[in-house]
Amino acid sequence: LPLFLLWFLTVIIISFHSECESIQILREGDKSPGKYLSDKLKTNITYIIILYTPLLIINTIFNNEFLFINILFVVTQIFLLCFTICFKYSSYRPTKNLIGNSIAVAIISICSALPYFFPLPAIFSLFYFDKAKKNLNQYLND
């Protein structure tokens, strides 16, 4: 049950990435597309780890046999968040709501909860990272 609730929390967190920020916010740090994506991913991964670690430590204390499952769960949730961010920026358009992306994100989110599909978020994260860099290149390198 705790893992299901944390998965649901991840789904809520990734829903914040369905709307594109304005071009002014995107260009604020004057970064390259790769640096911008890396910073965005590092920040969000740090937030997930800080948020989930205490709960997963408590879950591991009470359920020692779930240690491997807890570790795998955190890694999967991190890749799910990375996929969502990379997918968002691969189709980024300033101040647009990417409601169409929600379907793909929902499918990958559901798949990440099923054991045989754990690698899907990681595979799609890698695939969309390059696409996101190429798409952001037109906005960040004028």
N, C-alpha and C. Protein backbone atom coordinates (compact mmCIF):
# COMPACT_ATOMS: atom_id res chain seq x y z
N LEU A 1 0.81 -1.21 0.00
CA LEU A 1 0.00 0.00 0.00
C LEU A 1 0.85 1.27 0.00
N PRO A 2 1.96 1.35 0.78
CA PRO A 2 2.75 2.58 0.73
C PRO A 2 3.33 2.84 -0.66
N LEU A 3 3.74 1.79 -1.36
CA LEU A 3 4.31 1.99 -2.68
C LEU A 3 3.24 2.47 -3.67
N PHE A 4 2.04 1.95 -3.53
CA PHE A 4 0.96 2.41 -4.41
C PHE A 4 0.67 3.89 -4.17
N LEU A 5 0.65 4.30 -2.92
CA LEU A 5 0.40 5.71 -2.62
C LEU A 5 1.53 6.61 -3.11
N LEU A 6 2.77 6.15 -3.02
CA LEU A 6 3.89 6.91 -3.55
C LEU A 6 3.83 6.97 -5.08
N TRP A 7 3.43 5.88 -5.70
CA TRP A 7 3.25 5.89 -7.16
C TRP A 7 2.18 6.91 -7.55
N PHE A 8 1.09 6.92 -6.80
CA PHE A 8 0.03 7.89 -7.06
C PHE A 8 0.53 9.32 -6.86
N LEU A 9 1.37 9.53 -5.85
CA LEU A 9 1.97 10.85 -5.63
C LEU A 9 2.87 11.22 -6.81
N THR A 10 3.61 10.26 -7.36
CA THR A 10 4.44 10.53 -8.53
C THR A 10 3.57 10.95 -9.71
N VAL A 11 2.45 10.29 -9.89
CA VAL A 11 1.53 10.65 -10.98
C VAL A 11 1.03 12.08 -10.80
N ILE A 12 0.75 12.47 -9.59
CA ILE A 12 0.33 13.85 -9.32
C ILE A 12 1.47 14.82 -9.62
N ILE A 13 2.67 14.48 -9.21
CA ILE A 13 3.83 15.35 -9.44
C ILE A 13 4.09 15.50 -10.94
N ILE A 14 4.02 14.43 -11.70
CA ILE A 14 4.31 14.54 -13.12
C ILE A 14 3.21 15.29 -13.87
N SER A 15 2.04 15.38 -13.29
CA SER A 15 0.99 16.16 -13.95
C SER A 15 1.32 17.65 -13.98
N PHE A 16 2.22 18.09 -13.11
CA PHE A 16 2.64 19.49 -13.13
C PHE A 16 3.46 19.82 -14.38
N HIS A 17 3.92 18.81 -15.07
CA HIS A 17 4.75 19.02 -16.26
C HIS A 17 3.93 18.96 -17.55
N SER A 18 2.64 19.17 -17.46
CA SER A 18 1.81 19.11 -18.67
C SER A 18 1.66 20.47 -19.34
N GLU A 19 2.08 21.52 -18.68
CA GLU A 19 1.96 22.85 -19.25
C GLU A 19 3.34 23.45 -19.44
N CYS A 20 3.54 24.04 -20.61
CA CYS A 20 4.84 24.64 -20.93
C CYS A 20 4.95 26.04 -20.35
N GLU A 21 6.11 26.33 -19.80
CA GLU A 21 6.35 27.66 -19.27
C GLU A 21 6.62 28.64 -20.41
N SER A 22 6.60 29.91 -20.09
CA SER A 22 6.84 30.92 -21.11
C SER A 22 8.30 30.90 -21.55
N ILE A 23 8.54 31.48 -22.69
CA ILE A 23 9.90 31.50 -23.24
C ILE A 23 10.85 32.30 -22.35
N GLN A 24 10.33 33.31 -21.65
CA GLN A 24 11.17 34.12 -20.76
C GLN A 24 11.70 33.28 -19.60
N ILE A 25 10.86 32.44 -19.05
CA ILE A 25 11.29 31.56 -17.96
C ILE A 25 12.30 30.53 -18.48
N LEU A 26 12.06 30.03 -19.67
CA LEU A 26 12.97 29.04 -20.25
C LEU A 26 14.36 29.63 -20.48
N ARG A 27 14.42 30.86 -20.91
CA ARG A 27 15.70 31.51 -21.22
C ARG A 27 16.34 32.19 -20.01
N GLU A 28 15.74 32.11 -18.87
CA GLU A 28 16.20 32.84 -17.68
C GLU A 28 17.66 32.58 -17.33
N GLY A 29 18.10 31.37 -17.35
CA GLY A 29 19.46 31.06 -16.92
C GLY A 29 20.50 31.15 -18.01
N ASP A 30 20.08 31.42 -19.25
CA ASP A 30 20.99 31.50 -20.39
C ASP A 30 21.86 30.24 -20.47
N LYS A 31 21.17 29.08 -20.51
CA LYS A 31 21.86 27.79 -20.53
C LYS A 31 21.69 27.13 -21.89
N SER A 32 22.55 26.18 -22.17
CA SER A 32 22.41 25.36 -23.37
C SER A 32 21.26 24.37 -23.14
N PRO A 33 20.71 23.80 -24.20
CA PRO A 33 19.61 22.85 -24.02
C PRO A 33 19.98 21.66 -23.13
N GLY A 34 21.17 21.11 -23.32
CA GLY A 34 21.61 19.98 -22.50
C GLY A 34 21.76 20.35 -21.04
N LYS A 35 22.33 21.51 -20.79
CA LYS A 35 22.51 21.99 -19.40
C LYS A 35 21.15 22.26 -18.76
N TYR A 36 20.24 22.88 -19.52
CA TYR A 36 18.91 23.18 -18.99
C TYR A 36 18.18 21.89 -18.60
N LEU A 37 18.20 20.90 -19.50
CA LEU A 37 17.54 19.63 -19.20
C LEU A 37 18.20 18.92 -18.03
N SER A 38 19.52 18.90 -18.00
CA SER A 38 20.24 18.24 -16.90
C SER A 38 19.90 18.89 -15.56
N ASP A 39 19.89 20.21 -15.53
CA ASP A 39 19.55 20.90 -14.28
C ASP A 39 18.11 20.61 -13.86
N LYS A 40 17.20 20.61 -14.82
CA LYS A 40 15.79 20.33 -14.52
C LYS A 40 15.63 18.91 -13.98
N LEU A 41 16.32 17.97 -14.61
CA LEU A 41 16.24 16.58 -14.15
C LEU A 41 16.86 16.40 -12.77
N LYS A 42 18.05 16.99 -12.55
CA LYS A 42 18.70 16.87 -11.24
C LYS A 42 17.84 17.45 -10.13
N THR A 43 17.24 18.59 -10.37
CA THR A 43 16.39 19.22 -9.36
C THR A 43 15.20 18.34 -9.01
N ASN A 44 14.52 17.84 -10.03
CA ASN A 44 13.34 17.02 -9.78
C ASN A 44 13.69 15.67 -9.16
N ILE A 45 14.81 15.10 -9.56
CA ILE A 45 15.25 13.83 -8.96
C ILE A 45 15.57 14.04 -7.48
N THR A 46 16.23 15.14 -7.18
CA THR A 46 16.54 15.45 -5.78
C THR A 46 15.27 15.58 -4.95
N TYR A 47 14.27 16.25 -5.49
CA TYR A 47 13.00 16.40 -4.77
C TYR A 47 12.34 15.04 -4.51
N ILE A 48 12.35 14.18 -5.51
CA ILE A 48 11.74 12.85 -5.35
C ILE A 48 12.49 12.05 -4.29
N ILE A 49 13.80 12.08 -4.33
CA ILE A 49 14.59 11.31 -3.37
C ILE A 49 14.36 11.83 -1.95
N ILE A 50 14.37 13.14 -1.79
CA ILE A 50 14.14 13.72 -0.46
C ILE A 50 12.74 13.38 0.05
N LEU A 51 11.77 13.41 -0.84
CA LEU A 51 10.38 13.14 -0.45
C LEU A 51 10.14 11.66 -0.12
N TYR A 52 10.74 10.77 -0.90
CA TYR A 52 10.42 9.35 -0.78
C TYR A 52 11.33 8.59 0.19
N THR A 53 12.55 9.02 0.38
CA THR A 53 13.51 8.26 1.20
C THR A 53 13.01 7.97 2.61
N PRO A 54 12.50 8.95 3.37
CA PRO A 54 12.05 8.61 4.73
C PRO A 54 10.94 7.56 4.76
N LEU A 55 10.02 7.67 3.82
CA LEU A 55 8.91 6.71 3.79
C LEU A 55 9.39 5.31 3.40
N LEU A 56 10.33 5.25 2.47
CA LEU A 56 10.82 3.94 2.06
C LEU A 56 11.73 3.32 3.10
N ILE A 57 12.44 4.14 3.87
CA ILE A 57 13.24 3.60 4.98
C ILE A 57 12.32 2.98 6.03
N ILE A 58 11.26 3.67 6.35
CA ILE A 58 10.29 3.13 7.32
C ILE A 58 9.67 1.85 6.78
N ASN A 59 9.32 1.85 5.50
CA ASN A 59 8.74 0.65 4.89
C ASN A 59 9.73 -0.51 4.92
N THR A 60 11.00 -0.23 4.71
CA THR A 60 12.02 -1.28 4.74
C THR A 60 12.25 -1.79 6.16
N ILE A 61 12.17 -0.92 7.15
CA ILE A 61 12.34 -1.34 8.54
C ILE A 61 11.25 -2.33 8.94
N PHE A 62 10.03 -2.02 8.55
CA PHE A 62 8.91 -2.89 8.93
C PHE A 62 8.75 -4.09 8.00
N ASN A 63 9.28 -4.00 6.81
CA ASN A 63 9.18 -5.10 5.84
C ASN A 63 10.56 -5.31 5.21
N ASN A 64 11.43 -6.00 5.93
CA ASN A 64 12.80 -6.21 5.47
C ASN A 64 12.87 -6.87 4.09
N GLU A 65 11.94 -7.73 3.80
CA GLU A 65 11.96 -8.45 2.53
C GLU A 65 11.64 -7.55 1.34
N PHE A 66 11.21 -6.32 1.59
CA PHE A 66 10.86 -5.39 0.51
C PHE A 66 12.00 -4.43 0.15
N LEU A 67 13.18 -4.65 0.66
CA LEU A 67 14.29 -3.75 0.39
C LEU A 67 14.56 -3.61 -1.12
N PHE A 68 14.69 -4.74 -1.81
CA PHE A 68 14.95 -4.70 -3.25
C PHE A 68 13.79 -4.05 -4.00
N ILE A 69 12.58 -4.34 -3.60
CA ILE A 69 11.40 -3.76 -4.25
C ILE A 69 11.37 -2.25 -4.02
N ASN A 70 11.73 -1.79 -2.83
CA ASN A 70 11.77 -0.36 -2.54
C ASN A 70 12.81 0.36 -3.40
N ILE A 71 13.97 -0.24 -3.53
CA ILE A 71 15.03 0.37 -4.35
C ILE A 71 14.59 0.42 -5.82
N LEU A 72 14.06 -0.68 -6.30
CA LEU A 72 13.57 -0.73 -7.68
C LEU A 72 12.44 0.28 -7.90
N PHE A 73 11.60 0.43 -6.91
CA PHE A 73 10.50 1.38 -7.00
C PHE A 73 11.01 2.81 -7.15
N VAL A 74 11.97 3.21 -6.33
CA VAL A 74 12.52 4.58 -6.41
C VAL A 74 13.17 4.82 -7.77
N VAL A 75 13.93 3.87 -8.24
CA VAL A 75 14.58 4.01 -9.54
C VAL A 75 13.53 4.15 -10.65
N THR A 76 12.49 3.35 -10.59
CA THR A 76 11.43 3.43 -11.59
C THR A 76 10.71 4.77 -11.54
N GLN A 77 10.46 5.28 -10.35
CA GLN A 77 9.78 6.57 -10.23
C GLN A 77 10.65 7.71 -10.73
N ILE A 78 11.95 7.60 -10.50
CA ILE A 78 12.88 8.62 -11.01
C ILE A 78 12.87 8.60 -12.54
N PHE A 79 12.92 7.42 -13.13
CA PHE A 79 12.88 7.35 -14.59
C PHE A 79 11.53 7.80 -15.14
N LEU A 80 10.47 7.56 -14.41
CA LEU A 80 9.15 8.03 -14.84
C LEU A 80 9.13 9.56 -14.87
N LEU A 81 9.68 10.17 -13.86
CA LEU A 81 9.76 11.63 -13.82
C LEU A 81 10.68 12.15 -14.93
N CYS A 82 11.80 11.48 -15.16
CA CYS A 82 12.70 11.89 -16.24
C CYS A 82 12.02 11.77 -17.60
N PHE A 83 11.28 10.69 -17.80
CA PHE A 83 10.54 10.54 -19.05
C PHE A 83 9.56 11.68 -19.25
N THR A 84 8.83 12.02 -18.20
CA THR A 84 7.83 13.09 -18.31
C THR A 84 8.47 14.42 -18.68
N ILE A 85 9.58 14.74 -18.05
CA ILE A 85 10.26 16.01 -18.34
C ILE A 85 10.82 16.00 -19.76
N CYS A 86 11.48 14.93 -20.15
CA CYS A 86 12.04 14.85 -21.50
C CYS A 86 10.94 14.86 -22.56
N PHE A 87 9.84 14.18 -22.29
CA PHE A 87 8.72 14.14 -23.22
C PHE A 87 8.10 15.52 -23.37
N LYS A 88 7.99 16.23 -22.26
CA LYS A 88 7.44 17.60 -22.29
C LYS A 88 8.30 18.49 -23.18
N TYR A 89 9.60 18.47 -22.97
CA TYR A 89 10.47 19.37 -23.72
C TYR A 89 10.73 18.89 -25.14
N SER A 90 10.42 17.64 -25.45
CA SER A 90 10.55 17.19 -26.84
C SER A 90 9.45 17.77 -27.71
N SER A 91 8.35 18.17 -27.09
CA SER A 91 7.26 18.80 -27.84
C SER A 91 6.93 20.18 -27.28
N TYR A 92 7.92 20.82 -26.68
CA TYR A 92 7.74 22.13 -26.04
C TYR A 92 7.30 23.19 -27.04
N ARG A 93 6.27 23.93 -26.68
CA ARG A 93 5.84 25.14 -27.37
C ARG A 93 5.51 26.14 -26.27
N PRO A 94 6.10 27.33 -26.31
CA PRO A 94 5.91 28.30 -25.22
C PRO A 94 4.45 28.53 -24.87
N THR A 95 4.16 28.49 -23.57
CA THR A 95 2.85 28.74 -22.95
C THR A 95 1.73 27.84 -23.47
N LYS A 96 2.04 26.68 -24.00
CA LYS A 96 1.02 25.75 -24.47
C LYS A 96 0.78 24.68 -23.42
N ASN A 97 -0.46 24.22 -23.38
CA ASN A 97 -0.82 23.11 -22.52
C ASN A 97 -0.72 21.84 -23.36
N LEU A 98 0.14 20.94 -22.98
CA LEU A 98 0.39 19.72 -23.75
C LEU A 98 -0.56 18.61 -23.31
N ILE A 99 -1.84 18.85 -23.46
CA ILE A 99 -2.85 17.89 -22.99
C ILE A 99 -2.74 16.56 -23.75
N GLY A 100 -2.30 16.61 -24.99
CA GLY A 100 -2.13 15.37 -25.77
C GLY A 100 -1.03 14.49 -25.21
N ASN A 101 -0.04 15.08 -24.57
CA ASN A 101 1.04 14.29 -23.97
C ASN A 101 0.55 13.49 -22.77
N SER A 102 -0.55 13.90 -22.18
CA SER A 102 -1.05 13.24 -20.97
C SER A 102 -1.39 11.78 -21.21
N ILE A 103 -1.82 11.46 -22.41
CA ILE A 103 -2.19 10.08 -22.71
C ILE A 103 -0.95 9.18 -22.68
N ALA A 104 0.10 9.62 -23.36
CA ALA A 104 1.34 8.83 -23.37
C ALA A 104 1.94 8.72 -21.97
N VAL A 105 1.91 9.83 -21.23
CA VAL A 105 2.45 9.81 -19.87
C VAL A 105 1.62 8.88 -18.99
N ALA A 106 0.31 8.88 -19.16
CA ALA A 106 -0.55 7.99 -18.36
C ALA A 106 -0.26 6.52 -18.68
N ILE A 107 -0.06 6.21 -19.94
CA ILE A 107 0.23 4.82 -20.32
C ILE A 107 1.57 4.38 -19.73
N ILE A 108 2.59 5.22 -19.84
CA ILE A 108 3.90 4.87 -19.27
C ILE A 108 3.81 4.80 -17.75
N SER A 109 3.01 5.66 -17.13
CA SER A 109 2.84 5.63 -15.67
C SER A 109 2.22 4.31 -15.22
N ILE A 110 1.21 3.89 -15.91
CA ILE A 110 0.57 2.61 -15.57
C ILE A 110 1.54 1.45 -15.80
N CYS A 111 2.26 1.51 -16.91
CA CYS A 111 3.24 0.46 -17.19
C CYS A 111 4.34 0.41 -16.13
N SER A 112 4.70 1.57 -15.59
CA SER A 112 5.77 1.58 -14.58
C SER A 112 5.33 0.90 -13.29
N ALA A 113 4.04 0.72 -13.11
CA ALA A 113 3.53 0.04 -11.91
C ALA A 113 3.49 -1.47 -12.10
N LEU A 114 3.70 -1.94 -13.31
CA LEU A 114 3.67 -3.38 -13.59
C LEU A 114 5.09 -3.92 -13.70
N PRO A 115 5.38 -5.02 -13.04
CA PRO A 115 6.76 -5.52 -12.95
C PRO A 115 7.46 -5.74 -14.30
N TYR A 116 6.77 -6.26 -15.29
CA TYR A 116 7.43 -6.56 -16.56
C TYR A 116 7.74 -5.31 -17.37
N PHE A 117 7.12 -4.21 -17.03
CA PHE A 117 7.31 -2.98 -17.78
C PHE A 117 8.15 -1.94 -17.03
N PHE A 118 8.85 -2.34 -15.97
CA PHE A 118 9.70 -1.40 -15.21
C PHE A 118 10.71 -0.66 -16.09
N PRO A 119 11.32 -1.33 -17.09
CA PRO A 119 12.33 -0.60 -17.89
C PRO A 119 11.77 0.43 -18.87
N LEU A 120 10.46 0.42 -19.14
CA LEU A 120 9.91 1.33 -20.13
C LEU A 120 10.20 2.81 -19.87
N PRO A 121 9.99 3.32 -18.65
CA PRO A 121 10.31 4.74 -18.44
C PRO A 121 11.77 5.08 -18.72
N ALA A 122 12.68 4.17 -18.39
CA ALA A 122 14.11 4.42 -18.64
C ALA A 122 14.40 4.45 -20.13
N ILE A 123 13.84 3.52 -20.86
CA ILE A 123 14.06 3.46 -22.31
C ILE A 123 13.51 4.71 -22.98
N PHE A 124 12.30 5.08 -22.63
CA PHE A 124 11.69 6.26 -23.24
C PHE A 124 12.37 7.55 -22.78
N SER A 125 12.91 7.57 -21.57
CA SER A 125 13.65 8.75 -21.11
C SER A 125 14.86 9.00 -22.00
N LEU A 126 15.61 7.94 -22.27
CA LEU A 126 16.78 8.07 -23.13
C LEU A 126 16.40 8.48 -24.54
N PHE A 127 15.32 7.91 -25.05
CA PHE A 127 14.86 8.22 -26.40
C PHE A 127 14.45 9.69 -26.53
N TYR A 128 13.69 10.19 -25.54
CA TYR A 128 13.18 11.55 -25.63
C TYR A 128 14.17 12.61 -25.15
N PHE A 129 15.24 12.23 -24.48
CA PHE A 129 16.22 13.22 -24.03
C PHE A 129 16.86 13.92 -25.24
N ASP A 130 17.27 13.14 -26.24
CA ASP A 130 17.86 13.75 -27.44
C ASP A 130 16.84 14.59 -28.20
N LYS A 131 15.62 14.10 -28.29
CA LYS A 131 14.58 14.89 -28.97
C LYS A 131 14.31 16.20 -28.24
N ALA A 132 14.34 16.15 -26.93
CA ALA A 132 14.11 17.36 -26.14
C ALA A 132 15.23 18.36 -26.35
N LYS A 133 16.47 17.88 -26.37
CA LYS A 133 17.61 18.78 -26.61
C LYS A 133 17.50 19.44 -27.98
N LYS A 134 17.13 18.68 -28.98
CA LYS A 134 17.00 19.22 -30.33
C LYS A 134 15.86 20.24 -30.39
N ASN A 135 14.76 19.94 -29.74
CA ASN A 135 13.63 20.89 -29.75
C ASN A 135 13.95 22.16 -28.98
N LEU A 136 14.59 22.03 -27.84
CA LEU A 136 14.94 23.21 -27.05
C LEU A 136 16.03 24.06 -27.72
N ASN A 137 16.78 23.44 -28.61
CA ASN A 137 17.85 24.16 -29.28
C ASN A 137 17.31 25.38 -30.05
N GLN A 138 16.12 25.26 -30.61
CA GLN A 138 15.55 26.39 -31.35
C GLN A 138 15.09 27.52 -30.44
N TYR A 139 14.87 27.24 -29.17
CA TYR A 139 14.42 28.27 -28.22
C TYR A 139 15.55 28.85 -27.39
N LEU A 140 16.58 28.06 -27.15
CA LEU A 140 17.65 28.49 -26.27
C LEU A 140 18.90 29.00 -26.99
N ASN A 141 19.02 28.73 -28.27
CA ASN A 141 20.20 29.16 -29.01
C ASN A 141 19.79 30.09 -30.15
N ASP A 142 19.34 31.27 -29.83
CA ASP A 142 18.96 32.24 -30.87
C ASP A 142 20.13 33.06 -31.30
